[in-house]
Amino acid sequence: MKEAVHSKPAPCCCQAEHLTDREIDVLCQLAAGLTNDQAASAISVSGHTVAGHLRTMLTRASARNRAELVARAYAAGVLTAHNWPPQWSGRRCLTMPAAAGSRDVSGAGHPALG
């Protein structure tokens, strides 16, 4: 599996903690469906290290499980869509971009509902 490209992240004004290079490596492995031990082997760390990174990312993303973490990473643009294996987009922030996170669920402004 291809490792994350370690380039400088795009500027972000959310003031939240961002994913580290190693967390991005782990995230890509988990998004590909690997177990903690398989991910550890793929990136040459221990299973305990992967589990620690996973706990940190779950907390940071307010995700209940690894599936929700991966879904949030795709939704926030951290992982690129339409690629296999999963690839890092260059974004490190798990906070939803304003345009994607600000949809109005009330229906106001929608031609058929509001």
N, C-alpha and C. Protein backbone atom coordinates (compact mmCIF):
# COMPACT_ATOMS: atom_id res chain seq x y z
N MET A 1 0.85 -1.18 0.00
CA MET A 1 0.00 0.00 0.00
C MET A 1 0.89 1.24 0.00
N LYS A 2 0.50 2.22 -0.70
CA LYS A 2 1.25 3.46 -0.83
C LYS A 2 1.14 4.27 0.46
N GLU A 3 2.28 4.77 0.96
CA GLU A 3 2.26 5.60 2.16
C GLU A 3 1.78 6.99 1.82
N ALA A 4 1.29 7.69 2.86
CA ALA A 4 0.82 9.06 2.67
C ALA A 4 1.97 9.94 2.18
N VAL A 5 1.67 10.85 1.30
CA VAL A 5 2.65 11.81 0.83
C VAL A 5 2.75 12.88 1.90
N HIS A 6 3.95 13.12 2.38
CA HIS A 6 4.13 14.02 3.51
C HIS A 6 4.44 15.44 3.05
N SER A 7 3.42 16.10 2.53
CA SER A 7 3.59 17.48 2.10
C SER A 7 2.98 18.41 3.13
N LYS A 8 3.24 19.67 2.97
CA LYS A 8 2.71 20.66 3.90
C LYS A 8 1.20 20.76 3.73
N PRO A 9 0.45 20.69 4.86
CA PRO A 9 -1.01 20.75 4.75
C PRO A 9 -1.51 22.14 4.36
N ALA A 10 -2.70 22.14 3.78
CA ALA A 10 -3.34 23.42 3.46
C ALA A 10 -3.66 24.15 4.76
N PRO A 11 -3.61 25.48 4.76
CA PRO A 11 -3.90 26.23 5.97
C PRO A 11 -5.33 25.97 6.44
N CYS A 12 -5.50 25.98 7.74
CA CYS A 12 -6.82 25.74 8.33
C CYS A 12 -6.99 26.71 9.49
N CYS A 13 -8.18 27.23 9.63
CA CYS A 13 -8.43 28.22 10.67
C CYS A 13 -9.32 27.67 11.80
N CYS A 14 -9.52 26.36 11.86
CA CYS A 14 -10.44 25.79 12.84
C CYS A 14 -9.85 25.70 14.24
N GLN A 15 -8.55 25.83 14.39
CA GLN A 15 -7.85 25.76 15.66
C GLN A 15 -7.91 24.37 16.30
N ALA A 16 -8.38 23.35 15.59
CA ALA A 16 -8.43 21.99 16.11
C ALA A 16 -7.09 21.30 15.88
N GLU A 17 -6.83 20.27 16.65
CA GLU A 17 -5.64 19.46 16.41
C GLU A 17 -5.81 18.75 15.07
N HIS A 18 -4.74 18.58 14.36
CA HIS A 18 -4.79 17.95 13.06
C HIS A 18 -4.08 16.60 13.10
N LEU A 19 -4.36 15.76 12.13
CA LEU A 19 -3.75 14.45 12.06
C LEU A 19 -2.26 14.56 11.79
N THR A 20 -1.49 13.69 12.44
CA THR A 20 -0.05 13.63 12.20
C THR A 20 0.22 12.75 10.97
N ASP A 21 1.45 12.77 10.50
CA ASP A 21 1.82 11.92 9.37
C ASP A 21 1.53 10.46 9.67
N ARG A 22 1.91 10.00 10.86
CA ARG A 22 1.72 8.59 11.21
C ARG A 22 0.23 8.25 11.35
N GLU A 23 -0.57 9.17 11.90
CA GLU A 23 -2.01 8.94 12.00
C GLU A 23 -2.64 8.80 10.61
N ILE A 24 -2.16 9.59 9.67
CA ILE A 24 -2.66 9.50 8.29
C ILE A 24 -2.28 8.14 7.69
N ASP A 25 -1.05 7.69 7.95
CA ASP A 25 -0.64 6.36 7.48
C ASP A 25 -1.58 5.29 8.04
N VAL A 26 -1.84 5.36 9.34
CA VAL A 26 -2.73 4.39 10.00
C VAL A 26 -4.14 4.49 9.43
N LEU A 27 -4.64 5.71 9.28
CA LEU A 27 -5.99 5.92 8.75
C LEU A 27 -6.16 5.29 7.37
N CYS A 28 -5.19 5.47 6.50
CA CYS A 28 -5.26 4.87 5.16
C CYS A 28 -5.32 3.35 5.23
N GLN A 29 -4.56 2.77 6.14
CA GLN A 29 -4.57 1.31 6.30
C GLN A 29 -5.94 0.84 6.82
N LEU A 30 -6.48 1.54 7.79
CA LEU A 30 -7.77 1.17 8.36
C LEU A 30 -8.89 1.35 7.34
N ALA A 31 -8.80 2.41 6.54
CA ALA A 31 -9.80 2.66 5.50
C ALA A 31 -9.79 1.56 4.45
N ALA A 32 -8.65 0.90 4.30
CA ALA A 32 -8.53 -0.21 3.36
C ALA A 32 -9.08 -1.51 3.95
N GLY A 33 -9.53 -1.46 5.21
CA GLY A 33 -10.13 -2.63 5.83
C GLY A 33 -9.18 -3.49 6.63
N LEU A 34 -7.96 -3.04 6.84
CA LEU A 34 -7.00 -3.83 7.58
C LEU A 34 -7.30 -3.80 9.07
N THR A 35 -6.97 -4.89 9.75
CA THR A 35 -7.06 -4.94 11.21
C THR A 35 -5.89 -4.13 11.78
N ASN A 36 -5.91 -3.91 13.09
CA ASN A 36 -4.81 -3.19 13.71
C ASN A 36 -3.48 -3.89 13.46
N ASP A 37 -3.46 -5.22 13.63
CA ASP A 37 -2.21 -5.96 13.43
C ASP A 37 -1.75 -5.94 11.97
N GLN A 38 -2.68 -6.04 11.03
CA GLN A 38 -2.32 -5.97 9.61
C GLN A 38 -1.79 -4.58 9.26
N ALA A 39 -2.43 -3.54 9.78
CA ALA A 39 -1.97 -2.17 9.54
C ALA A 39 -0.59 -1.97 10.14
N ALA A 40 -0.38 -2.50 11.32
CA ALA A 40 0.92 -2.38 11.99
C ALA A 40 2.02 -3.01 11.14
N SER A 41 1.74 -4.19 10.62
CA SER A 41 2.72 -4.88 9.79
C SER A 41 3.01 -4.09 8.52
N ALA A 42 1.97 -3.52 7.93
CA ALA A 42 2.13 -2.78 6.67
C ALA A 42 2.98 -1.52 6.82
N ILE A 43 2.93 -0.89 8.00
CA ILE A 43 3.70 0.36 8.18
C ILE A 43 4.82 0.20 9.21
N SER A 44 5.13 -1.04 9.55
CA SER A 44 6.28 -1.39 10.40
C SER A 44 6.24 -0.74 11.79
N VAL A 45 5.11 -0.88 12.45
CA VAL A 45 4.98 -0.47 13.85
C VAL A 45 4.27 -1.61 14.58
N SER A 46 4.10 -1.48 15.89
CA SER A 46 3.41 -2.53 16.64
C SER A 46 1.90 -2.34 16.59
N GLY A 47 1.18 -3.40 16.86
CA GLY A 47 -0.27 -3.33 16.94
C GLY A 47 -0.72 -2.37 18.03
N HIS A 48 0.06 -2.29 19.11
CA HIS A 48 -0.26 -1.37 20.21
C HIS A 48 -0.15 0.08 19.75
N THR A 49 0.83 0.35 18.90
CA THR A 49 1.01 1.70 18.36
C THR A 49 -0.19 2.07 17.49
N VAL A 50 -0.62 1.16 16.64
CA VAL A 50 -1.79 1.42 15.80
C VAL A 50 -3.01 1.66 16.68
N ALA A 51 -3.20 0.82 17.70
CA ALA A 51 -4.35 0.97 18.60
C ALA A 51 -4.32 2.33 19.29
N GLY A 52 -3.14 2.79 19.68
CA GLY A 52 -3.01 4.11 20.30
C GLY A 52 -3.37 5.23 19.35
N HIS A 53 -2.89 5.15 18.11
CA HIS A 53 -3.24 6.16 17.12
C HIS A 53 -4.74 6.14 16.84
N LEU A 54 -5.32 4.95 16.77
CA LEU A 54 -6.75 4.83 16.53
C LEU A 54 -7.54 5.48 17.65
N ARG A 55 -7.17 5.22 18.90
CA ARG A 55 -7.87 5.86 20.04
C ARG A 55 -7.79 7.37 19.95
N THR A 56 -6.63 7.89 19.64
CA THR A 56 -6.44 9.34 19.53
C THR A 56 -7.31 9.92 18.42
N MET A 57 -7.32 9.25 17.26
CA MET A 57 -8.12 9.75 16.14
C MET A 57 -9.62 9.65 16.43
N LEU A 58 -10.05 8.58 17.09
CA LEU A 58 -11.46 8.45 17.45
C LEU A 58 -11.90 9.59 18.35
N THR A 59 -11.08 9.90 19.33
CA THR A 59 -11.38 11.00 20.25
C THR A 59 -11.41 12.32 19.51
N ARG A 60 -10.39 12.57 18.71
CA ARG A 60 -10.28 13.83 17.97
C ARG A 60 -11.46 14.04 17.02
N ALA A 61 -11.96 12.95 16.42
CA ALA A 61 -13.05 13.04 15.45
C ALA A 61 -14.42 12.90 16.11
N SER A 62 -14.44 12.62 17.41
CA SER A 62 -15.70 12.33 18.12
C SER A 62 -16.44 11.19 17.43
N ALA A 63 -15.68 10.20 17.01
CA ALA A 63 -16.24 9.03 16.33
C ALA A 63 -16.37 7.88 17.32
N ARG A 64 -17.42 7.07 17.15
CA ARG A 64 -17.68 5.96 18.07
C ARG A 64 -16.92 4.70 17.69
N ASN A 65 -16.52 4.58 16.43
CA ASN A 65 -15.82 3.37 15.99
C ASN A 65 -15.01 3.68 14.73
N ARG A 66 -14.24 2.69 14.29
CA ARG A 66 -13.35 2.93 13.15
C ARG A 66 -14.12 3.20 11.86
N ALA A 67 -15.29 2.60 11.70
CA ALA A 67 -16.09 2.86 10.49
C ALA A 67 -16.53 4.32 10.46
N GLU A 68 -16.97 4.84 11.60
CA GLU A 68 -17.37 6.25 11.65
C GLU A 68 -16.17 7.16 11.43
N LEU A 69 -15.02 6.80 11.97
CA LEU A 69 -13.80 7.59 11.76
C LEU A 69 -13.47 7.68 10.27
N VAL A 70 -13.52 6.55 9.59
CA VAL A 70 -13.21 6.53 8.15
C VAL A 70 -14.25 7.36 7.39
N ALA A 71 -15.52 7.20 7.74
CA ALA A 71 -16.58 7.98 7.07
C ALA A 71 -16.35 9.47 7.28
N ARG A 72 -16.01 9.87 8.50
CA ARG A 72 -15.75 11.29 8.78
C ARG A 72 -14.52 11.78 8.02
N ALA A 73 -13.51 10.93 7.87
CA ALA A 73 -12.30 11.32 7.13
C ALA A 73 -12.63 11.57 5.66
N TYR A 74 -13.48 10.72 5.07
CA TYR A 74 -13.90 10.95 3.69
C TYR A 74 -14.76 12.21 3.61
N ALA A 75 -15.70 12.38 4.54
CA ALA A 75 -16.59 13.54 4.51
C ALA A 75 -15.83 14.85 4.69
N ALA A 76 -14.78 14.83 5.51
CA ALA A 76 -13.99 16.04 5.74
C ALA A 76 -12.96 16.28 4.65
N GLY A 77 -12.82 15.32 3.75
CA GLY A 77 -11.86 15.49 2.65
C GLY A 77 -10.45 15.09 2.99
N VAL A 78 -10.25 14.36 4.08
CA VAL A 78 -8.91 13.89 4.45
C VAL A 78 -8.49 12.75 3.53
N LEU A 79 -9.43 11.89 3.19
CA LEU A 79 -9.19 10.81 2.24
C LEU A 79 -9.89 11.16 0.93
N THR A 80 -9.24 10.83 -0.18
CA THR A 80 -9.81 11.16 -1.48
C THR A 80 -10.83 10.11 -1.91
N ALA A 81 -11.87 10.56 -2.55
CA ALA A 81 -12.90 9.66 -3.07
C ALA A 81 -12.42 9.04 -4.37
N HIS A 82 -13.00 7.92 -4.72
CA HIS A 82 -12.77 7.26 -6.01
C HIS A 82 -11.34 6.77 -6.20
N ASN A 83 -10.69 6.37 -5.10
CA ASN A 83 -9.34 5.81 -5.19
C ASN A 83 -9.27 4.52 -4.40
N TRP A 84 -8.55 3.55 -4.93
CA TRP A 84 -8.24 2.35 -4.16
C TRP A 84 -6.81 1.99 -4.44
N PRO A 85 -6.01 1.79 -3.45
CA PRO A 85 -6.34 1.84 -2.03
C PRO A 85 -6.61 3.28 -1.58
N PRO A 86 -7.22 3.43 -0.40
CA PRO A 86 -7.50 4.78 0.11
C PRO A 86 -6.24 5.63 0.13
N GLN A 87 -6.41 6.90 -0.26
CA GLN A 87 -5.26 7.80 -0.33
C GLN A 87 -5.55 9.10 0.40
N TRP A 88 -4.50 9.67 0.94
CA TRP A 88 -4.57 10.94 1.64
C TRP A 88 -4.71 12.07 0.63
N SER A 89 -5.58 13.01 0.93
CA SER A 89 -5.82 14.15 0.03
C SER A 89 -4.85 15.29 0.23
N GLY A 90 -4.16 15.31 1.35
CA GLY A 90 -3.30 16.44 1.71
C GLY A 90 -3.90 17.25 2.84
N ARG A 91 -5.17 17.04 3.11
CA ARG A 91 -5.86 17.72 4.21
C ARG A 91 -5.63 16.93 5.49
N ARG A 92 -5.42 17.62 6.61
CA ARG A 92 -5.17 16.97 7.89
C ARG A 92 -6.27 17.19 8.91
N CYS A 93 -7.22 18.02 8.59
CA CYS A 93 -8.24 18.45 9.54
C CYS A 93 -9.49 17.57 9.43
N LEU A 94 -9.95 17.02 10.55
CA LEU A 94 -11.16 16.21 10.57
C LEU A 94 -12.42 17.05 10.76
N THR A 95 -12.24 18.37 10.92
CA THR A 95 -13.40 19.25 11.02
C THR A 95 -14.02 19.38 9.64
N MET A 96 -15.34 19.28 9.59
CA MET A 96 -16.04 19.37 8.31
C MET A 96 -15.85 20.75 7.70
N PRO A 97 -15.55 20.82 6.41
CA PRO A 97 -15.47 22.11 5.73
C PRO A 97 -16.80 22.84 5.88
N ALA A 98 -16.77 24.15 5.95
CA ALA A 98 -17.98 24.96 6.19
C ALA A 98 -19.08 24.67 5.19
N ALA A 99 -18.76 24.58 3.92
CA ALA A 99 -19.78 24.37 2.91
C ALA A 99 -20.47 23.03 3.09
N ALA A 100 -19.73 21.99 3.43
CA ALA A 100 -20.33 20.66 3.58
C ALA A 100 -21.05 20.51 4.90
N GLY A 101 -20.59 21.20 5.94
CA GLY A 101 -21.17 21.03 7.26
C GLY A 101 -22.29 21.99 7.57
N SER A 102 -22.63 22.90 6.66
CA SER A 102 -23.61 23.93 6.98
C SER A 102 -24.93 23.75 6.25
N ARG A 103 -25.24 22.52 5.86
CA ARG A 103 -26.50 22.33 5.13
C ARG A 103 -27.68 22.53 6.08
N ASP A 104 -28.74 23.05 5.54
CA ASP A 104 -29.95 23.34 6.31
C ASP A 104 -30.87 22.13 6.20
N VAL A 105 -31.08 21.43 7.32
CA VAL A 105 -31.92 20.24 7.28
C VAL A 105 -33.40 20.55 7.46
N SER A 106 -33.75 21.82 7.66
CA SER A 106 -35.15 22.19 7.86
C SER A 106 -35.94 22.24 6.56
N GLY A 107 -35.24 22.37 5.46
CA GLY A 107 -35.92 22.47 4.18
C GLY A 107 -36.13 23.91 3.74
N ALA A 108 -35.83 24.87 4.62
CA ALA A 108 -35.98 26.28 4.25
C ALA A 108 -35.06 26.60 3.09
N GLY A 109 -35.56 27.29 2.14
CA GLY A 109 -34.75 27.66 0.98
C GLY A 109 -34.79 26.63 -0.13
N HIS A 110 -35.30 25.45 0.13
CA HIS A 110 -35.41 24.44 -0.90
C HIS A 110 -36.70 24.71 -1.69
N PRO A 111 -36.64 24.75 -2.99
CA PRO A 111 -37.82 25.12 -3.79
C PRO A 111 -39.05 24.27 -3.49
N ALA A 112 -38.87 23.00 -3.22
CA ALA A 112 -40.02 22.13 -3.00
C ALA A 112 -40.48 22.13 -1.54
N LEU A 113 -39.57 22.55 -0.61
CA LEU A 113 -39.89 22.43 0.81
C LEU A 113 -40.04 23.77 1.52
N GLY A 114 -39.45 24.78 1.01
CA GLY A 114 -39.43 26.00 1.80
C GLY A 114 -40.01 27.13 1.09
